Amino acid sequence: MSDPIKSTAPSWLTTPRIRRQSLLLAIALWLGYAAIIATPGSRDRFGHLKGADFLHAYVLGTLALEHRGEALYDASAQRELGEQRVPASAGDYFLPVYAPQYSLIWAPLAQLPYPWAAAIWIALSAAIYAACCYAVWQTCPNLHAQGTTVALAAAAFPGFFALLTFGQNSALALAALTATYFALRARRDVLAGLCLGLLAYKPQLALVPACVFAAACLWPRKPVPDADSQLAGATRRSASKVVAGAIISVLAQFAAAWAWYGPGPLASYARALTHIGTAASILEPRPYLMHSLRAFWNLLLPWPVAAFVLYILTALATTLLAIACWRKAAPLAHRFSIMLLATVLVAPHLTVYDLVILAPAFLWIADWLTTYPAPRIAWLLYLSFLLPFAGPLARWTHLQLSVVCLAILTITFAAQLTSDQVSLTPDT
């Protein structure tokens, strides 16, 4: 079989070379991580709690088991409970900003000792990530012969590495967005909305999808006669069903929290959201790990007001681009890719582990590259994959290169979404 990237990029960027690089990178990452955590006790070689971010979920699950709704937004109470349940976590704390229903997810794991609970969640995160990547890969016919390369690249993806090493929860967002895509593909619009509404636990990742579907309700694209499932989600009726499903999903989640805790935590959550801007330094102790437009401008400029204005302007432009692309007569996978890229760029709070939601977009764009000669996009995709590893350099350069590359990739790929692609690249 011929090299699928041979005609679309310079000779250096070939599938065998990418496969070897992915293999070496995956080996280096995971062997290094194994060496770091191969220590007795709950702390790794650098003194960090193993699966550190999972501690917050573990504490919230404990509060759910005890029906302690009054403590869901009490940082001191959560810190005390964390030290009681996991003595090795002394000194670690988190800002409570998750919606109250989020705590209910973790109640089953909170019944286990912390090491077991953390290990199970990390294994589940890996399984969710693998299942989503596999499901999306199945929709990429041009990549079917490159399964080994895809698997190695997925294992070496910086978002996935951060997801497991931090013990974070972004696999849930990836699952929600992947399920949304497949529901749209099957023309199950209400189901797509129900899945999209699951992002209520990370509302910053729902901003762009909410704008895209709301705009599709108000300014729908004219339906294409005899169009197949690739055009799902573009008409007013379809978008309205998605929005309705999302609203039902969010209301059902809040209703579950009300039934479990009463109304108090919902009011506390609303107050927490109104004050979240004043706690940015606690939420983002390491800005160089952030990979969105807001982080880009905050790192680049020493003037907070100017950085905020530029973030709003660029986020608005990116959102409008995603809306415009959604209205085009292009395959659903390509329009969804733009929406995912825009979601990452626009999110006001996006850490490196949240980049896992880009895995489907990277697969769809790679699949497209096997057919269309676009060397610039091939290189942008390659760099977008790798540059998050260079994030710590922004501590000194104040330039988050990953954001620059993702923005250019979004604009460049969006320019390819022309109506004549419908017949050329069916979304099967």
Protein backbone atom coordinates (compact mmCIF):
# COMPACT_ATOMS: atom_id res chain seq x y z
CA MET A 1 0.00 0.00 0.00
CA SER A 2 1.30 3.49 -0.81
CA ASP A 3 2.16 5.92 1.96
CA PRO A 4 -1.03 7.91 2.67
CA ILE A 5 0.88 11.05 3.56
CA LYS A 6 3.36 10.85 0.70
CA SER A 7 1.45 13.11 -1.63
CA THR A 8 0.29 15.55 1.01
CA ALA A 9 3.47 16.59 2.82
CA PRO A 10 7.24 16.89 2.39
CA SER A 11 9.11 13.61 2.21
CA TRP A 12 10.27 13.96 5.80
CA LEU A 13 6.71 13.65 7.13
CA THR A 14 5.95 10.04 6.23
CA THR A 15 3.85 7.41 7.94
CA PRO A 16 6.79 5.10 8.84
CA ARG A 17 8.67 8.02 10.35
CA ILE A 18 5.62 9.17 12.32
CA ARG A 19 5.11 5.61 13.54
CA ARG A 20 8.72 5.39 14.78
CA GLN A 21 8.54 8.78 16.44
CA SER A 22 5.27 7.90 18.16
CA LEU A 23 6.73 4.63 19.40
CA LEU A 24 9.84 6.30 20.83
CA LEU A 25 7.82 9.10 22.38
CA ALA A 26 5.31 6.71 23.97
CA ILE A 27 8.12 4.54 25.39
CA ALA A 28 9.94 7.57 26.81
CA LEU A 29 6.79 9.05 28.34
CA TRP A 30 5.39 5.95 29.96
CA LEU A 31 8.67 4.45 31.13
CA GLY A 32 9.56 7.81 32.63
CA TYR A 33 6.20 8.01 34.36
CA ALA A 34 6.54 4.47 35.67
CA ALA A 35 9.92 5.38 37.16
CA ILE A 36 8.44 8.47 38.82
CA ILE A 37 5.58 6.64 40.53
CA ALA A 38 7.57 3.49 41.39
CA THR A 39 7.88 4.55 45.02
CA PRO A 40 6.35 3.19 48.20
CA GLY A 41 3.45 5.13 49.62
CA SER A 42 1.15 7.69 48.06
CA ARG A 43 3.79 10.22 46.98
CA ASP A 44 5.91 9.98 43.82
CA ARG A 45 9.63 10.74 43.48
CA PHE A 46 8.92 14.48 43.25
CA GLY A 47 6.75 14.48 46.35
CA HIS A 48 3.44 14.83 44.51
CA LEU A 49 0.41 12.80 45.48
CA LYS A 50 -0.11 10.04 42.93
CA GLY A 51 -3.10 10.86 40.74
CA ALA A 52 -3.20 14.20 42.56
CA ASP A 53 -6.22 15.77 40.86
CA PHE A 54 -8.32 12.71 41.56
CA LEU A 55 -8.15 13.61 45.24
CA HIS A 56 -10.72 16.35 44.68
CA ALA A 57 -13.14 13.93 43.02
CA TYR A 58 -12.53 11.45 45.84
CA VAL A 59 -13.39 14.04 48.47
CA LEU A 60 -16.49 15.17 46.57
CA GLY A 61 -17.60 11.54 46.30
CA THR A 62 -17.21 11.21 50.06
CA LEU A 63 -19.38 14.29 50.58
CA ALA A 64 -21.99 12.74 48.30
CA LEU A 65 -21.98 9.53 50.33
CA GLU A 66 -22.47 11.54 53.50
CA HIS A 67 -25.07 13.90 51.94
CA ARG A 68 -22.98 16.87 53.07
CA GLY A 69 -24.22 19.38 50.54
CA GLU A 70 -23.19 22.30 52.76
CA ALA A 71 -19.52 21.33 52.33
CA LEU A 72 -19.51 21.14 48.52
CA TYR A 73 -18.31 24.75 48.30
CA ASP A 74 -16.34 24.89 51.54
CA ALA A 75 -12.65 24.58 50.65
CA SER A 76 -11.56 24.28 54.29
CA ALA A 77 -13.99 21.47 55.02
CA GLN A 78 -12.88 19.60 51.91
CA ARG A 79 -9.22 20.01 52.78
CA GLU A 80 -9.87 18.62 56.27
CA LEU A 81 -11.84 15.70 54.88
CA GLY A 82 -9.11 14.98 52.33
CA GLU A 83 -6.48 14.80 55.04
CA GLN A 84 -8.71 12.50 57.08
CA ARG A 85 -9.30 10.07 54.25
CA VAL A 86 -5.87 10.39 52.63
CA PRO A 87 -3.34 11.46 55.28
CA ALA A 88 -0.61 11.67 52.65
CA SER A 89 -2.53 14.53 50.99
CA ALA A 90 -1.75 16.96 53.81
CA GLY A 91 -1.12 20.37 52.27
CA ASP A 92 -3.06 19.68 49.07
CA TYR A 93 -6.26 21.59 48.43
CA PHE A 94 -8.62 22.50 45.57
CA LEU A 95 -10.97 25.34 44.77
CA PRO A 96 -14.55 23.93 44.78
CA VAL A 97 -16.12 25.10 41.51
CA TYR A 98 -17.76 21.98 40.06
CA ALA A 99 -21.54 21.76 39.77
CA PRO A 100 -23.12 19.79 42.65
CA GLN A 101 -24.20 16.85 40.49
CA TYR A 102 -20.53 16.22 39.66
CA SER A 103 -19.94 14.84 43.16
CA LEU A 104 -22.51 12.08 42.63
CA ILE A 105 -20.34 10.49 39.91
CA TRP A 106 -17.61 9.71 42.42
CA ALA A 107 -19.65 8.26 45.25
CA PRO A 108 -19.02 4.62 44.21
CA LEU A 109 -15.24 5.10 44.03
CA ALA A 110 -15.20 7.04 47.31
CA GLN A 111 -16.23 3.84 49.09
CA LEU A 112 -12.80 2.36 48.27
CA PRO A 113 -9.39 3.21 49.73
CA TYR A 114 -7.80 6.09 47.83
CA PRO A 115 -5.02 4.08 46.08
CA TRP A 116 -7.54 1.61 44.68
CA ALA A 117 -10.03 4.30 43.72
CA ALA A 118 -7.36 6.35 41.94
CA ALA A 119 -6.00 3.31 40.10
CA ILE A 120 -9.48 2.31 38.95
CA TRP A 121 -10.29 5.80 37.72
CA ILE A 122 -7.00 6.08 35.81
CA ALA A 123 -7.68 2.70 34.19
CA LEU A 124 -11.24 3.80 33.32
CA SER A 125 -9.92 7.05 31.82
CA ALA A 126 -7.53 5.09 29.62
CA ALA A 127 -10.34 2.76 28.57
CA ILE A 128 -12.68 5.65 27.72
CA TYR A 129 -9.96 7.37 25.71
CA ALA A 130 -9.11 4.17 23.84
CA ALA A 131 -12.77 3.42 23.12
CA CYS A 132 -13.40 6.93 21.76
CA CYS A 133 -10.29 6.86 19.59
CA TYR A 134 -11.18 3.42 18.27
CA ALA A 135 -14.76 4.44 17.48
CA VAL A 136 -13.61 7.55 15.63
CA TRP A 137 -10.84 5.65 13.83
CA GLN A 138 -13.51 3.28 12.52
CA THR A 139 -15.09 6.27 10.73
CA CYS A 140 -11.77 7.08 9.01
CA PRO A 141 -11.58 4.64 6.07
CA ASN A 142 -8.27 6.01 4.83
CA LEU A 143 -6.61 5.25 8.17
CA HIS A 144 -7.80 1.66 8.53
CA ALA A 145 -4.51 0.31 7.20
CA GLN A 146 -2.57 2.50 9.64
CA GLY A 147 -3.98 1.09 12.86
CA THR A 148 -0.59 0.61 14.51
CA THR A 149 0.48 4.16 13.75
CA VAL A 150 -2.81 5.55 15.04
CA ALA A 151 -2.58 3.51 18.26
CA LEU A 152 1.00 4.60 18.92
CA ALA A 153 0.19 8.25 18.23
CA ALA A 154 -2.82 8.03 20.54
CA ALA A 155 -0.63 6.58 23.30
CA ALA A 156 1.91 9.38 22.86
CA PHE A 157 -0.62 12.23 22.71
CA PRO A 158 0.29 14.85 25.34
CA GLY A 159 -3.33 15.36 26.35
CA PHE A 160 -3.68 11.65 27.11
CA PHE A 161 -0.40 11.54 29.03
CA ALA A 162 -1.47 14.51 31.17
CA LEU A 163 -4.94 13.01 31.66
CA LEU A 164 -3.54 9.89 33.31
CA THR A 165 -0.63 11.44 35.18
CA PHE A 166 -2.82 14.13 36.73
CA GLY A 167 -5.69 11.72 37.41
CA GLN A 168 -8.05 14.20 35.78
CA ASN A 169 -11.64 13.89 34.54
CA SER A 170 -11.41 15.09 30.92
CA ALA A 171 -12.13 11.60 29.59
CA LEU A 172 -15.75 12.33 30.50
CA ALA A 173 -15.76 15.38 28.21
CA LEU A 174 -14.19 13.35 25.40
CA ALA A 175 -16.87 10.67 25.83
CA ALA A 176 -19.67 13.26 25.82
CA LEU A 177 -18.42 14.96 22.66
CA THR A 178 -17.71 11.68 20.86
CA ALA A 179 -21.18 10.43 21.72
CA THR A 180 -22.63 13.73 20.48
CA TYR A 181 -20.94 13.22 17.12
CA PHE A 182 -22.18 9.66 16.69
CA ALA A 183 -25.71 10.63 17.70
CA LEU A 184 -25.68 13.44 15.11
CA ARG A 185 -24.30 11.03 12.54
CA ALA A 186 -27.21 8.68 13.22
CA ARG A 187 -29.66 11.61 13.06
CA ARG A 188 -30.54 11.15 16.72
CA ASP A 189 -30.59 14.86 17.44
CA VAL A 190 -32.26 14.78 20.85
CA LEU A 191 -29.80 12.11 21.97
CA ALA A 192 -26.96 14.30 20.68
CA GLY A 193 -28.25 17.12 22.86
CA LEU A 194 -28.52 14.85 25.88
CA CYS A 195 -24.89 13.84 25.40
CA LEU A 196 -23.76 17.42 24.83
CA GLY A 197 -25.53 18.48 28.04
CA LEU A 198 -23.21 16.20 30.01
CA LEU A 199 -20.58 18.92 29.57
CA ALA A 200 -22.38 20.80 32.34
CA TYR A 201 -19.64 19.57 34.67
CA LYS A 202 -17.09 21.50 32.52
CA PRO A 203 -19.21 24.36 31.13
CA GLN A 204 -16.20 26.07 29.57
CA LEU A 205 -16.11 23.25 27.02
CA ALA A 206 -19.76 23.80 26.14
CA LEU A 207 -19.43 27.46 25.13
CA VAL A 208 -18.66 26.96 21.44
CA PRO A 209 -21.06 24.01 20.88
CA ALA A 210 -23.82 26.01 22.58
CA CYS A 211 -23.18 28.97 20.29
CA VAL A 212 -22.98 26.75 17.20
CA PHE A 213 -26.31 25.03 17.79
CA ALA A 214 -28.05 28.17 19.01
CA ALA A 215 -26.93 29.95 15.85
CA ALA A 216 -28.11 26.99 13.75
CA CYS A 217 -31.55 27.44 15.32
CA LEU A 218 -31.64 31.12 14.40
CA TRP A 219 -29.80 31.11 11.07
CA PRO A 220 -30.03 27.63 9.56
CA ARG A 221 -28.35 26.65 6.34
CA LYS A 222 -30.70 25.72 3.57
CA PRO A 223 -31.06 21.92 3.45
CA VAL A 224 -29.40 20.14 0.56
CA PRO A 225 -31.74 17.88 -1.42
CA ASP A 226 -31.02 14.16 -0.99
CA ALA A 227 -28.29 14.90 1.55
CA ASP A 228 -27.22 12.00 3.73
CA SER A 229 -26.16 11.83 7.39
CA GLN A 230 -23.06 13.94 6.80
CA LEU A 231 -25.30 17.03 6.80
CA ALA A 232 -27.01 16.20 10.09
CA GLY A 233 -27.21 19.03 12.58
CA ALA A 234 -27.34 21.83 10.00
CA THR A 235 -31.07 22.56 9.72
CA ARG A 236 -33.16 24.54 12.18
CA ARG A 237 -35.25 21.54 13.18
CA SER A 238 -32.21 19.39 13.84
CA ALA A 239 -30.44 22.12 15.83
CA SER A 240 -33.58 22.81 17.85
CA LYS A 241 -33.75 19.17 18.88
CA VAL A 242 -30.09 19.24 19.93
CA VAL A 243 -30.65 22.37 22.02
CA ALA A 244 -33.78 20.85 23.59
CA GLY A 245 -31.90 17.67 24.43
CA ALA A 246 -29.05 19.64 26.00
CA ILE A 247 -31.45 21.66 28.15
CA ILE A 248 -33.21 18.49 29.31
CA SER A 249 -29.85 16.91 30.14
CA VAL A 250 -28.67 19.87 32.22
CA LEU A 251 -31.99 20.23 34.03
CA ALA A 252 -32.03 16.51 34.82
CA GLN A 253 -28.55 16.77 36.32
CA PHE A 254 -29.51 19.72 38.50
CA ALA A 255 -32.70 17.93 39.51
CA ALA A 256 -30.62 14.94 40.63
CA ALA A 257 -28.42 17.25 42.72
CA TRP A 258 -31.52 18.90 44.22
CA ALA A 259 -33.03 15.53 45.07
CA TRP A 260 -29.80 14.39 46.74
CA TYR A 261 -28.75 17.54 48.58
CA GLY A 262 -31.66 19.96 48.50
CA PRO A 263 -31.54 23.46 46.96
CA GLY A 264 -28.65 24.82 49.03
CA PRO A 265 -25.71 23.57 46.92
CA LEU A 266 -27.28 24.90 43.70
CA ALA A 267 -27.39 28.40 45.17
CA SER A 268 -23.82 28.01 46.44
CA TYR A 269 -22.70 26.88 42.99
CA ALA A 270 -24.24 29.98 41.41
CA ARG A 271 -22.36 32.18 43.89
CA ALA A 272 -19.12 30.30 43.22
CA LEU A 273 -19.46 30.95 39.49
CA THR A 274 -19.94 34.69 40.03
CA HIS A 275 -16.67 34.88 41.98
CA ILE A 276 -14.62 32.50 39.88
CA GLY A 277 -12.76 35.31 38.11
CA THR A 278 -11.17 36.44 41.37
CA ALA A 279 -9.69 32.98 41.98
CA ALA A 280 -7.77 32.59 38.72
CA SER A 281 -4.43 32.29 40.49
CA ILE A 282 -5.73 29.30 42.49
CA LEU A 283 -7.43 27.65 39.52
CA GLU A 284 -4.39 28.19 37.29
CA PRO A 285 -1.27 27.93 39.46
CA ARG A 286 0.80 26.95 36.40
CA PRO A 287 -0.34 29.15 33.48
CA TYR A 288 2.16 27.52 31.14
CA LEU A 289 0.01 24.36 31.24
CA MET A 290 -2.94 26.25 29.79
CA HIS A 291 -3.62 26.03 26.04
CA SER A 292 -6.40 28.44 25.08
CA LEU A 293 -6.59 31.97 23.70
CA ARG A 294 -7.15 33.40 27.17
CA ALA A 295 -3.98 31.76 28.45
CA PHE A 296 -2.11 32.86 25.33
CA TRP A 297 -2.89 36.55 25.81
CA ASN A 298 -2.39 36.43 29.58
CA LEU A 299 1.08 34.93 29.13
CA LEU A 300 2.04 37.23 26.29
CA LEU A 301 0.92 40.59 27.67
CA PRO A 302 1.69 42.17 31.06
CA TRP A 303 -1.50 44.25 30.90
CA PRO A 304 -4.54 42.28 32.16
CA VAL A 305 -7.14 44.59 30.61
CA ALA A 306 -5.54 44.46 27.16
CA ALA A 307 -5.13 40.68 27.43
CA PHE A 308 -8.81 40.30 28.35
CA VAL A 309 -10.00 42.50 25.48
CA LEU A 310 -7.87 40.62 22.96
CA TYR A 311 -9.11 37.31 24.34
CA ILE A 312 -12.74 38.37 23.93
CA LEU A 313 -12.14 39.60 20.37
CA THR A 314 -10.22 36.52 19.23
CA ALA A 315 -12.62 34.15 21.03
CA LEU A 316 -15.56 35.85 19.33
CA ALA A 317 -13.88 35.58 15.93
CA THR A 318 -13.11 31.89 16.53
CA THR A 319 -16.68 31.17 17.60
CA LEU A 320 -18.06 32.94 14.53
CA LEU A 321 -15.72 30.87 12.37
CA ALA A 322 -17.04 27.67 13.96
CA ILE A 323 -20.63 28.83 13.37
CA ALA A 324 -19.89 29.68 9.74
CA CYS A 325 -18.24 26.29 9.15
CA TRP A 326 -21.15 24.44 10.73
CA ARG A 327 -23.47 26.02 8.17
CA LYS A 328 -21.38 24.81 5.22
CA ALA A 329 -22.35 21.79 3.14
CA ALA A 330 -19.33 19.82 4.33
CA PRO A 331 -19.02 16.42 6.02
CA LEU A 332 -20.12 16.30 9.64
CA ALA A 333 -16.71 15.04 10.77
CA HIS A 334 -14.98 18.07 9.27
CA ARG A 335 -17.43 20.57 10.72
CA PHE A 336 -17.23 18.81 14.07
CA SER A 337 -13.42 19.02 13.90
CA ILE A 338 -13.59 22.79 13.54
CA MET A 339 -16.01 22.95 16.45
CA LEU A 340 -13.62 20.92 18.64
CA LEU A 341 -10.64 23.08 17.69
CA ALA A 342 -12.64 26.22 18.41
CA THR A 343 -13.81 24.75 21.73
CA VAL A 344 -10.22 24.37 22.88
CA LEU A 345 -9.20 27.84 21.73
CA VAL A 346 -12.21 29.66 23.20
CA ALA A 347 -12.47 27.88 26.56
CA PRO A 348 -11.60 30.39 29.29
CA HIS A 349 -10.00 27.64 31.37
CA LEU A 350 -8.31 24.80 29.48
CA THR A 351 -5.43 22.77 30.85
CA VAL A 352 -3.23 20.37 28.91
CA TYR A 353 -5.26 17.31 29.90
CA ASP A 354 -8.39 18.85 28.32
CA LEU A 355 -6.66 18.54 24.95
CA VAL A 356 -7.86 14.93 24.81
CA ILE A 357 -11.06 16.26 23.23
CA LEU A 358 -8.98 17.04 20.13
CA ALA A 359 -8.21 13.36 19.48
CA PRO A 360 -11.26 12.89 17.19
CA ALA A 361 -10.48 16.09 15.27
CA PHE A 362 -6.87 15.04 14.73
CA LEU A 363 -8.01 11.66 13.41
CA TRP A 364 -10.56 13.16 11.02
CA ILE A 365 -8.10 15.72 9.68
CA ALA A 366 -5.43 13.03 9.23
CA ASP A 367 -7.96 10.94 7.32
CA TRP A 368 -8.79 13.93 5.11
CA LEU A 369 -5.08 14.48 4.44
CA THR A 370 -4.78 11.07 2.81
CA THR A 371 -6.99 12.34 -0.02
CA TYR A 372 -6.29 16.06 -0.30
CA PRO A 373 -2.80 17.46 -0.98
CA ALA A 374 -2.35 20.02 1.81
CA PRO A 375 1.27 20.08 3.07
CA ARG A 376 0.62 23.12 5.26
CA ILE A 377 -2.22 21.39 7.09
CA ALA A 378 -0.14 18.22 7.47
CA TRP A 379 2.62 20.18 9.18
CA LEU A 380 0.18 22.15 11.31
CA LEU A 381 -1.44 18.91 12.47
CA TYR A 382 1.96 17.42 13.28
CA LEU A 383 3.02 20.48 15.27
CA SER A 384 -0.35 20.81 17.02
CA PHE A 385 0.16 17.27 18.27
CA LEU A 386 3.66 17.91 19.63
CA LEU A 387 3.74 21.53 20.80
CA PRO A 388 1.79 21.01 24.05
CA PHE A 389 4.92 19.25 25.29
CA ALA A 390 6.72 22.59 24.86
CA GLY A 391 4.21 24.36 27.10
CA PRO A 392 6.62 24.76 30.06
CA LEU A 393 8.88 26.89 27.83
CA ALA A 394 6.21 29.60 28.02
CA ARG A 395 7.36 30.23 31.59
CA TRP A 396 10.31 32.07 30.07
CA THR A 397 9.22 32.93 26.52
CA HIS A 398 5.66 33.99 27.48
CA LEU A 399 4.58 32.58 24.12
CA GLN A 400 2.34 29.51 24.07
CA LEU A 401 3.20 28.14 20.63
CA SER A 402 0.56 25.40 20.79
CA VAL A 403 -2.20 28.03 20.74
CA VAL A 404 -0.66 29.76 17.72
CA CYS A 405 -0.45 26.47 15.84
CA LEU A 406 -3.97 25.38 16.76
CA ALA A 407 -5.37 28.74 15.69
CA ILE A 408 -3.63 28.57 12.30
CA LEU A 409 -4.75 24.96 11.86
CA THR A 410 -8.35 25.96 12.61
CA ILE A 411 -8.30 28.82 10.10
CA THR A 412 -6.50 26.83 7.42
CA PHE A 413 -8.67 23.74 7.69
CA ALA A 414 -11.82 25.88 7.83
CA ALA A 415 -10.82 27.36 4.49
CA GLN A 416 -10.99 23.85 3.00
CA LEU A 417 -14.61 23.31 3.98
CA THR A 418 -16.17 24.13 0.64
CA SER A 419 -19.46 22.81 -0.60
CA ASP A 420 -17.91 20.64 -3.29
CA GLN A 421 -16.41 18.37 -0.62
CA VAL A 422 -19.80 16.84 0.11
CA SER A 423 -19.62 14.55 -2.88
CA LEU A 424 -15.86 14.04 -2.59
CA THR A 425 -15.56 13.00 1.04
CA PRO A 426 -18.73 11.31 2.22
CA ASP A 427 -19.10 10.95 5.96
CA THR A 428 -19.68 7.23 6.15
